[in-house]
Amino acid sequence: TIQTNIWAKVGVELGPESQYYASAFLIDSEWGCP
């Protein structure tokens, strides 16, 4: 099994109840099936 994961999260917090976020991810895998 070979797997590479990339995660990113960027946000702005204007206050305790004023928050905005952008998240992105990439999961790239390959594996054998015996």
PDB file of all heavy atoms in Angstrom:
ATOM      1  N   THR A   1       0.851  -1.190   0.000  1.00  0.00           N
ATOM      2  CA  THR A   1       0.000   0.000   0.000  1.00  0.00           C
ATOM      3  C   THR A   1       0.887   1.241   0.000  1.00  0.00           C
ATOM      4  O   THR A   1       1.850   1.306   0.764  1.00  0.00           O
ATOM      5  CB  THR A   1      -0.922   0.040   1.233  1.00  0.00           C
ATOM      6  OG1 THR A   1      -1.802  -1.074   1.223  1.00  0.00           O
ATOM      7  CG2 THR A   1      -1.755   1.320   1.251  1.00  0.00           C
ATOM      8  N   ILE A   2       0.567   2.203  -0.854  1.00  0.00           N
ATOM      9  CA  ILE A   2       1.256   3.493  -0.878  1.00  0.00           C
ATOM     10  C   ILE A   2       0.188   4.582  -0.789  1.00  0.00           C
ATOM     11  O   ILE A   2      -0.796   4.557  -1.537  1.00  0.00           O
ATOM     12  CB  ILE A   2       2.086   3.669  -2.167  1.00  0.00           C
ATOM     13  CG1 ILE A   2       3.106   2.548  -2.316  1.00  0.00           C
ATOM     14  CG2 ILE A   2       2.782   5.031  -2.172  1.00  0.00           C
ATOM     15  CD1 ILE A   2       3.854   2.586  -3.638  1.00  0.00           C
ATOM     16  N   GLN A   3       0.387   5.533   0.135  1.00  0.00           N
ATOM     17  CA  GLN A   3      -0.611   6.598   0.308  1.00  0.00           C
ATOM     18  C   GLN A   3       0.063   7.901   0.692  1.00  0.00           C
ATOM     19  O   GLN A   3       0.932   7.930   1.561  1.00  0.00           O
ATOM     20  CB  GLN A   3      -1.639   6.219   1.369  1.00  0.00           C
ATOM     21  CG  GLN A   3      -2.762   7.231   1.519  1.00  0.00           C
ATOM     22  CD  GLN A   3      -3.795   6.804   2.544  1.00  0.00           C
ATOM     23  OE1 GLN A   3      -3.596   6.963   3.734  1.00  0.00           O
ATOM     24  NE2 GLN A   3      -4.887   6.222   2.067  1.00  0.00           N
ATOM     25  N   THR A   4      -0.361   8.987   0.031  1.00  0.00           N
ATOM     26  CA  THR A   4       0.090  10.340   0.361  1.00  0.00           C
ATOM     27  C   THR A   4      -1.134  11.192   0.671  1.00  0.00           C
ATOM     28  O   THR A   4      -2.100  11.205  -0.107  1.00  0.00           O
ATOM     29  CB  THR A   4       0.868  10.953  -0.806  1.00  0.00           C
ATOM     30  OG1 THR A   4       2.019  10.145  -1.090  1.00  0.00           O
ATOM     31  CG2 THR A   4       1.321  12.363  -0.470  1.00  0.00           C
ATOM     32  N   ASN A   5      -1.085  11.894   1.816  1.00  0.00           N
ATOM     33  CA  ASN A   5      -2.188  12.750   2.243  1.00  0.00           C
ATOM     34  C   ASN A   5      -1.691  14.183   2.396  1.00  0.00           C
ATOM     35  O   ASN A   5      -0.618  14.409   2.964  1.00  0.00           O
ATOM     36  CB  ASN A   5      -2.764  12.298   3.586  1.00  0.00           C
ATOM     37  CG  ASN A   5      -3.309  10.888   3.540  1.00  0.00           C
ATOM     38  OD1 ASN A   5      -3.787  10.440   2.510  1.00  0.00           O
ATOM     39  ND2 ASN A   5      -3.232  10.183   4.645  1.00  0.00           N
ATOM     40  N   ILE A   6      -2.472  15.135   1.914  1.00  0.00           N
ATOM     41  CA  ILE A   6      -2.183  16.553   2.098  1.00  0.00           C
ATOM     42  C   ILE A   6      -3.459  17.233   2.601  1.00  0.00           C
ATOM     43  O   ILE A   6      -4.529  17.073   2.007  1.00  0.00           O
ATOM     44  CB  ILE A   6      -1.723  17.211   0.789  1.00  0.00           C
ATOM     45  CG1 ILE A   6      -0.451  16.530   0.261  1.00  0.00           C
ATOM     46  CG2 ILE A   6      -1.467  18.704   0.993  1.00  0.00           C
ATOM     47  CD1 ILE A   6      -0.019  17.044  -1.100  1.00  0.00           C
ATOM     48  N   TRP A   7      -3.334  17.970   3.706  1.00  0.00           N
ATOM     49  CA  TRP A   7      -4.464  18.672   4.297  1.00  0.00           C
ATOM     50  C   TRP A   7      -4.074  20.130   4.510  1.00  0.00           C
ATOM     51  O   TRP A   7      -2.938  20.425   4.897  1.00  0.00           O
ATOM     52  CB  TRP A   7      -4.867  18.060   5.636  1.00  0.00           C
ATOM     53  CG  TRP A   7      -5.261  16.631   5.555  1.00  0.00           C
ATOM     54  CD1 TRP A   7      -4.450  15.538   5.537  1.00  0.00           C
ATOM     55  CD2 TRP A   7      -6.595  16.120   5.476  1.00  0.00           C
ATOM     56  NE1 TRP A   7      -5.188  14.384   5.446  1.00  0.00           N
ATOM     57  CE2 TRP A   7      -6.505  14.705   5.418  1.00  0.00           C
ATOM     58  CE3 TRP A   7      -7.858  16.715   5.473  1.00  0.00           C
ATOM     59  CZ2 TRP A   7      -7.632  13.892   5.337  1.00  0.00           C
ATOM     60  CZ3 TRP A   7      -8.979  15.900   5.390  1.00  0.00           C
ATOM     61  CH2 TRP A   7      -8.854  14.506   5.326  1.00  0.00           C
ATOM     62  N   ALA A   8      -4.990  21.042   4.296  1.00  0.00           N
ATOM     63  CA  ALA A   8      -4.733  22.463   4.519  1.00  0.00           C
ATOM     64  C   ALA A   8      -6.005  23.128   5.032  1.00  0.00           C
ATOM     65  O   ALA A   8      -7.116  22.794   4.595  1.00  0.00           O
ATOM     66  CB  ALA A   8      -4.276  23.140   3.229  1.00  0.00           C
ATOM     67  N   LYS A   9      -5.833  24.058   5.971  1.00  0.00           N
ATOM     68  CA  LYS A   9      -6.956  24.789   6.540  1.00  0.00           C
ATOM     69  C   LYS A   9      -6.529  26.225   6.790  1.00  0.00           C
ATOM     70  O   LYS A   9      -5.514  26.470   7.427  1.00  0.00           O
ATOM     71  CB  LYS A   9      -7.415  24.131   7.843  1.00  0.00           C
ATOM     72  CG  LYS A   9      -8.628  24.791   8.490  1.00  0.00           C
ATOM     73  CD  LYS A   9      -9.037  24.048   9.745  1.00  0.00           C
ATOM     74  CE  LYS A   9     -10.265  24.659  10.404  1.00  0.00           C
ATOM     75  NZ  LYS A   9     -10.653  23.924  11.631  1.00  0.00           N
ATOM     76  N   VAL A  10      -7.290  27.172   6.251  1.00  0.00           N
ATOM     77  CA  VAL A  10      -6.999  28.590   6.397  1.00  0.00           C
ATOM     78  C   VAL A  10      -8.273  29.273   6.867  1.00  0.00           C
ATOM     79  O   VAL A  10      -9.370  28.983   6.354  1.00  0.00           O
ATOM     80  CB  VAL A  10      -6.521  29.202   5.071  1.00  0.00           C
ATOM     81  CG1 VAL A  10      -6.211  30.680   5.242  1.00  0.00           C
ATOM     82  CG2 VAL A  10      -5.300  28.464   4.542  1.00  0.00           C
ATOM     83  N   GLY A  11      -8.131  30.174   7.856  1.00  0.00           N
ATOM     84  CA  GLY A  11      -9.329  30.802   8.379  1.00  0.00           C
ATOM     85  C   GLY A  11      -9.097  32.194   8.917  1.00  0.00           C
ATOM     86  O   GLY A  11      -7.961  32.641   9.097  1.00  0.00           O
ATOM     87  N   VAL A  12     -10.209  32.872   9.149  1.00  0.00           N
ATOM     88  CA  VAL A  12     -10.193  34.185   9.787  1.00  0.00           C
ATOM     89  C   VAL A  12     -11.230  34.163  10.899  1.00  0.00           C
ATOM     90  O   VAL A  12     -12.358  33.695  10.697  1.00  0.00           O
ATOM     91  CB  VAL A  12     -10.477  35.317   8.766  1.00  0.00           C
ATOM     92  CG1 VAL A  12     -11.797  35.071   8.044  1.00  0.00           C
ATOM     93  CG2 VAL A  12     -10.478  36.667   9.454  1.00  0.00           C
ATOM     94  N   GLU A  13     -10.834  34.622  12.076  1.00  0.00           N
ATOM     95  CA  GLU A  13     -11.712  34.665  13.243  1.00  0.00           C
ATOM     96  C   GLU A  13     -11.879  36.117  13.664  1.00  0.00           C
ATOM     97  O   GLU A  13     -10.988  36.710  14.267  1.00  0.00           O
ATOM     98  CB  GLU A  13     -11.142  33.816  14.379  1.00  0.00           C
ATOM     99  CG  GLU A  13     -11.047  32.337  14.040  1.00  0.00           C
ATOM    100  CD  GLU A  13     -10.627  31.493  15.235  1.00  0.00           C
ATOM    101  OE1 GLU A  13     -10.390  32.073  16.313  1.00  0.00           O
ATOM    102  OE2 GLU A  13     -10.539  30.266  15.068  1.00  0.00           O
ATOM    103  N   LEU A  14     -13.029  36.689  13.328  1.00  0.00           N
ATOM    104  CA  LEU A  14     -13.324  38.066  13.689  1.00  0.00           C
ATOM    105  C   LEU A  14     -13.845  38.178  15.103  1.00  0.00           C
ATOM    106  O   LEU A  14     -13.872  39.274  15.671  1.00  0.00           O
ATOM    107  CB  LEU A  14     -14.345  38.638  12.702  1.00  0.00           C
ATOM    108  CG  LEU A  14     -13.945  38.547  11.214  1.00  0.00           C
ATOM    109  CD1 LEU A  14     -15.066  39.064  10.338  1.00  0.00           C
ATOM    110  CD2 LEU A  14     -12.660  39.296  10.956  1.00  0.00           C
ATOM    111  N   GLY A  15     -14.261  37.046  15.669  1.00  0.00           N
ATOM    112  CA  GLY A  15     -14.774  36.996  17.035  1.00  0.00           C
ATOM    113  C   GLY A  15     -15.117  35.573  17.392  1.00  0.00           C
ATOM    114  O   GLY A  15     -15.039  34.669  16.549  1.00  0.00           O
ATOM    115  N   PRO A  16     -15.512  35.318  18.657  1.00  0.00           N
ATOM    116  CA  PRO A  16     -15.838  33.939  19.061  1.00  0.00           C
ATOM    117  C   PRO A  16     -16.933  33.301  18.223  1.00  0.00           C
ATOM    118  O   PRO A  16     -16.937  32.090  18.019  1.00  0.00           O
ATOM    119  CB  PRO A  16     -16.270  34.101  20.530  1.00  0.00           C
ATOM    120  CG  PRO A  16     -15.638  35.382  20.977  1.00  0.00           C
ATOM    121  CD  PRO A  16     -15.630  36.271  19.773  1.00  0.00           C
ATOM    122  N   GLU A  17     -17.879  34.097  17.717  1.00  0.00           N
ATOM    123  CA  GLU A  17     -18.972  33.570  16.910  1.00  0.00           C
ATOM    124  C   GLU A  17     -19.046  34.281  15.559  1.00  0.00           C
ATOM    125  O   GLU A  17     -20.123  34.512  15.014  1.00  0.00           O
ATOM    126  CB  GLU A  17     -20.295  33.688  17.663  1.00  0.00           C
ATOM    127  CG  GLU A  17     -20.348  32.797  18.898  1.00  0.00           C
ATOM    128  CD  GLU A  17     -21.706  32.827  19.564  1.00  0.00           C
ATOM    129  OE1 GLU A  17     -22.161  33.912  19.952  1.00  0.00           O
ATOM    130  OE2 GLU A  17     -22.310  31.739  19.688  1.00  0.00           O
ATOM    131  N   SER A  18     -17.856  34.588  15.031  1.00  0.00           N
ATOM    132  CA  SER A  18     -17.737  35.136  13.688  1.00  0.00           C
ATOM    133  C   SER A  18     -16.462  34.569  13.081  1.00  0.00           C
ATOM    134  O   SER A  18     -15.385  35.156  13.179  1.00  0.00           O
ATOM    135  CB  SER A  18     -17.693  36.670  13.719  1.00  0.00           C
ATOM    136  OG  SER A  18     -17.577  37.195  12.407  1.00  0.00           O
ATOM    137  N   GLN A  19     -16.591  33.379  12.477  1.00  0.00           N
ATOM    138  CA  GLN A  19     -15.433  32.629  12.000  1.00  0.00           C
ATOM    139  C   GLN A  19     -15.720  32.082  10.600  1.00  0.00           C
ATOM    140  O   GLN A  19     -16.830  31.615  10.329  1.00  0.00           O
ATOM    141  CB  GLN A  19     -15.107  31.465  12.949  1.00  0.00           C
ATOM    142  CG  GLN A  19     -14.881  31.873  14.385  1.00  0.00           C
ATOM    143  CD  GLN A  19     -14.684  30.674  15.297  1.00  0.00           C
ATOM    144  OE1 GLN A  19     -14.655  29.530  14.844  1.00  0.00           O
ATOM    145  NE2 GLN A  19     -14.544  30.933  16.588  1.00  0.00           N
ATOM    146  N   TYR A  20     -14.677  32.131   9.725  1.00  0.00           N
ATOM    147  CA  TYR A  20     -14.814  31.631   8.369  1.00  0.00           C
ATOM    148  C   TYR A  20     -13.559  30.827   8.018  1.00  0.00           C
ATOM    149  O   TYR A  20     -12.437  31.270   8.297  1.00  0.00           O
ATOM    150  CB  TYR A  20     -14.995  32.781   7.379  1.00  0.00           C
ATOM    151  CG  TYR A  20     -16.238  33.601   7.641  1.00  0.00           C
ATOM    152  CD1 TYR A  20     -16.195  34.706   8.495  1.00  0.00           C
ATOM    153  CD2 TYR A  20     -17.448  33.254   7.061  1.00  0.00           C
ATOM    154  CE1 TYR A  20     -17.333  35.445   8.750  1.00  0.00           C
ATOM    155  CE2 TYR A  20     -18.598  33.988   7.303  1.00  0.00           C
ATOM    156  CZ  TYR A  20     -18.534  35.083   8.157  1.00  0.00           C
ATOM    157  OH  TYR A  20     -19.671  35.813   8.400  1.00  0.00           O
ATOM    158  N   TYR A  21     -13.772  29.635   7.410  1.00  0.00           N
ATOM    159  CA  TYR A  21     -12.653  28.740   7.122  1.00  0.00           C
ATOM    160  C   TYR A  21     -12.783  28.149   5.730  1.00  0.00           C
ATOM    161  O   TYR A  21     -13.889  27.922   5.222  1.00  0.00           O
ATOM    162  CB  TYR A  21     -12.592  27.594   8.137  1.00  0.00           C
ATOM    163  CG  TYR A  21     -11.990  27.998   9.460  1.00  0.00           C
ATOM    164  CD1 TYR A  21     -12.798  28.427  10.500  1.00  0.00           C
ATOM    165  CD2 TYR A  21     -10.612  27.972   9.652  1.00  0.00           C
ATOM    166  CE1 TYR A  21     -12.252  28.806  11.707  1.00  0.00           C
ATOM    167  CE2 TYR A  21     -10.057  28.347  10.848  1.00  0.00           C
ATOM    168  CZ  TYR A  21     -10.878  28.768  11.874  1.00  0.00           C
ATOM    169  OH  TYR A  21     -10.327  29.158  13.065  1.00  0.00           O
ATOM    170  N   ALA A  22     -11.620  27.883   5.131  1.00  0.00           N
ATOM    171  CA  ALA A  22     -11.522  27.124   3.881  1.00  0.00           C
ATOM    172  C   ALA A  22     -10.597  25.944   4.131  1.00  0.00           C
ATOM    173  O   ALA A  22      -9.495  26.116   4.666  1.00  0.00           O
ATOM    174  CB  ALA A  22     -10.978  28.001   2.753  1.00  0.00           C
ATOM    175  N   SER A  23     -11.038  24.755   3.768  1.00  0.00           N
ATOM    176  CA  SER A  23     -10.251  23.539   3.966  1.00  0.00           C
ATOM    177  C   SER A  23     -10.128  22.801   2.636  1.00  0.00           C
ATOM    178  O   SER A  23     -11.064  22.788   1.834  1.00  0.00           O
ATOM    179  CB  SER A  23     -10.898  22.619   5.007  1.00  0.00           C
ATOM    180  OG  SER A  23     -11.040  23.272   6.255  1.00  0.00           O
ATOM    181  N   ALA A  24      -8.972  22.190   2.420  1.00  0.00           N
ATOM    182  CA  ALA A  24      -8.742  21.401   1.210  1.00  0.00           C
ATOM    183  C   ALA A  24      -7.956  20.155   1.578  1.00  0.00           C
ATOM    184  O   ALA A  24      -7.181  20.162   2.536  1.00  0.00           O
ATOM    185  CB  ALA A  24      -7.990  22.220   0.162  1.00  0.00           C
ATOM    186  N   PHE A  25      -8.178  19.089   0.819  1.00  0.00           N
ATOM    187  CA  PHE A  25      -7.463  17.846   1.090  1.00  0.00           C
ATOM    188  C   PHE A  25      -7.230  17.089  -0.204  1.00  0.00           C
ATOM    189  O   PHE A  25      -7.958  17.249  -1.187  1.00  0.00           O
ATOM    190  CB  PHE A  25      -8.235  16.958   2.079  1.00  0.00           C
ATOM    191  CG  PHE A  25      -9.504  16.375   1.517  1.00  0.00           C
ATOM    192  CD1 PHE A  25      -9.503  15.137   0.877  1.00  0.00           C
ATOM    193  CD2 PHE A  25     -10.707  17.050   1.631  1.00  0.00           C
ATOM    194  CE1 PHE A  25     -10.662  14.598   0.357  1.00  0.00           C
ATOM    195  CE2 PHE A  25     -11.876  16.526   1.113  1.00  0.00           C
ATOM    196  CZ  PHE A  25     -11.859  15.296   0.476  1.00  0.00           C
ATOM    197  N   LEU A  26      -6.190  16.251  -0.177  1.00  0.00           N
ATOM    198  CA  LEU A  26      -5.876  15.336  -1.272  1.00  0.00           C
ATOM    199  C   LEU A  26      -5.414  14.024  -0.662  1.00  0.00           C
ATOM    200  O   LEU A  26      -4.526  14.013   0.197  1.00  0.00           O
ATOM    201  CB  LEU A  26      -4.785  15.899  -2.177  1.00  0.00           C
ATOM    202  CG  LEU A  26      -4.186  14.921  -3.207  1.00  0.00           C
ATOM    203  CD1 LEU A  26      -5.236  14.524  -4.237  1.00  0.00           C
ATOM    204  CD2 LEU A  26      -2.961  15.520  -3.883  1.00  0.00           C
ATOM    205  N   ILE A  27      -6.027  12.926  -1.065  1.00  0.00           N
ATOM    206  CA  ILE A  27      -5.630  11.589  -0.637  1.00  0.00           C
ATOM    207  C   ILE A  27      -5.341  10.784  -1.896  1.00  0.00           C
ATOM    208  O   ILE A  27      -6.242  10.504  -2.688  1.00  0.00           O
ATOM    209  CB  ILE A  27      -6.734  10.899   0.193  1.00  0.00           C
ATOM    210  CG1 ILE A  27      -7.098  11.755   1.402  1.00  0.00           C
ATOM    211  CG2 ILE A  27      -6.290   9.513   0.636  1.00  0.00           C
ATOM    212  CD1 ILE A  27      -8.275  11.209   2.204  1.00  0.00           C
ATOM    213  N   ASP A  28      -4.085  10.429  -2.093  1.00  0.00           N
ATOM    214  CA  ASP A  28      -3.644   9.723  -3.298  1.00  0.00           C
ATOM    215  C   ASP A  28      -3.081   8.369  -2.864  1.00  0.00           C
ATOM    216  O   ASP A  28      -2.087   8.312  -2.144  1.00  0.00           O
ATOM    217  CB  ASP A  28      -2.592  10.547  -4.020  1.00  0.00           C
ATOM    218  CG  ASP A  28      -2.220   9.942  -5.367  1.00  0.00           C
ATOM    219  OD1 ASP A  28      -2.937   9.020  -5.814  1.00  0.00           O
ATOM    220  OD2 ASP A  28      -1.224  10.376  -5.963  1.00  0.00           O
ATOM    221  N   SER A  29      -3.723   7.284  -3.290  1.00  0.00           N
ATOM    222  CA  SER A  29      -3.355   5.946  -2.818  1.00  0.00           C
ATOM    223  C   SER A  29      -3.267   4.964  -3.978  1.00  0.00           C
ATOM    224  O   SER A  29      -3.831   5.179  -5.053  1.00  0.00           O
ATOM    225  CB  SER A  29      -4.397   5.412  -1.812  1.00  0.00           C
ATOM    226  OG  SER A  29      -4.680   6.342  -0.807  1.00  0.00           O
ATOM    227  N   GLU A  30      -2.580   3.876  -3.722  1.00  0.00           N
ATOM    228  CA  GLU A  30      -2.653   2.685  -4.565  1.00  0.00           C
ATOM    229  C   GLU A  30      -2.312   1.480  -3.704  1.00  0.00           C
ATOM    230  O   GLU A  30      -1.573   1.599  -2.728  1.00  0.00           O
ATOM    231  CB  GLU A  30      -1.690   2.779  -5.758  1.00  0.00           C
ATOM    232  CG  GLU A  30      -0.215   2.774  -5.405  1.00  0.00           C
ATOM    233  CD  GLU A  30       0.650   2.669  -6.652  1.00  0.00           C
ATOM    234  OE1 GLU A  30       0.733   1.563  -7.208  1.00  0.00           O
ATOM    235  OE2 GLU A  30       1.212   3.697  -7.052  1.00  0.00           O
ATOM    236  N   TRP A  31      -2.889   0.338  -4.032  1.00  0.00           N
ATOM    237  CA  TRP A  31      -2.610  -0.847  -3.242  1.00  0.00           C
ATOM    238  C   TRP A  31      -2.892  -2.107  -4.052  1.00  0.00           C
ATOM    239  O   TRP A  31      -3.652  -2.095  -5.023  1.00  0.00           O
ATOM    240  CB  TRP A  31      -3.412  -0.870  -1.939  1.00  0.00           C
ATOM    241  CG  TRP A  31      -4.902  -0.911  -2.106  1.00  0.00           C
ATOM    242  CD1 TRP A  31      -5.680  -2.005  -2.335  1.00  0.00           C
ATOM    243  CD2 TRP A  31      -5.798   0.202  -2.025  1.00  0.00           C
ATOM    244  NE1 TRP A  31      -7.005  -1.652  -2.407  1.00  0.00           N
ATOM    245  CE2 TRP A  31      -7.103  -0.294  -2.215  1.00  0.00           C
ATOM    246  CE3 TRP A  31      -5.629   1.567  -1.805  1.00  0.00           C
ATOM    247  CZ2 TRP A  31      -8.223   0.532  -2.196  1.00  0.00           C
ATOM    248  CZ3 TRP A  31      -6.743   2.387  -1.789  1.00  0.00           C
ATOM    249  CH2 TRP A  31      -8.015   1.860  -1.983  1.00  0.00           C
ATOM    250  N   GLY A  32      -2.264  -3.175  -3.612  1.00  0.00           N
ATOM    251  CA  GLY A  32      -2.502  -4.464  -4.224  1.00  0.00           C
ATOM    252  C   GLY A  32      -3.671  -5.186  -3.576  1.00  0.00           C
ATOM    253  O   GLY A  32      -4.003  -4.949  -2.415  1.00  0.00           O
ATOM    254  N   CYS A  33      -4.285  -6.067  -4.347  1.00  0.00           N
ATOM    255  CA  CYS A  33      -5.416  -6.874  -3.862  1.00  0.00           C
ATOM    256  C   CYS A  33      -5.000  -8.342  -3.960  1.00  0.00           C
ATOM    257  O   CYS A  33      -5.130  -8.949  -5.041  1.00  0.00           O
ATOM    258  CB  CYS A  33      -6.665  -6.626  -4.694  1.00  0.00           C
ATOM    259  SG  CYS A  33      -7.126  -4.890  -4.888  1.00  0.00           S
ATOM    260  N   PRO A  34      -4.460  -8.934  -2.905  1.00  0.00           N
ATOM    261  CA  PRO A  34      -3.954 -10.308  -2.993  1.00  0.00           C
ATOM    262  C   PRO A  34      -5.028 -11.282  -3.440  1.00  0.00           C
ATOM    263  O   PRO A  34      -6.177 -11.236  -2.982  1.00  0.00           O
ATOM    264  CB  PRO A  34      -3.498 -10.612  -1.558  1.00  0.00           C
ATOM    265  CG  PRO A  34      -3.248  -9.268  -0.945  1.00  0.00           C
ATOM    266  CD  PRO A  34      -4.260  -8.350  -1.559  1.00  0.00           C
TER     267      PRO A  34
END
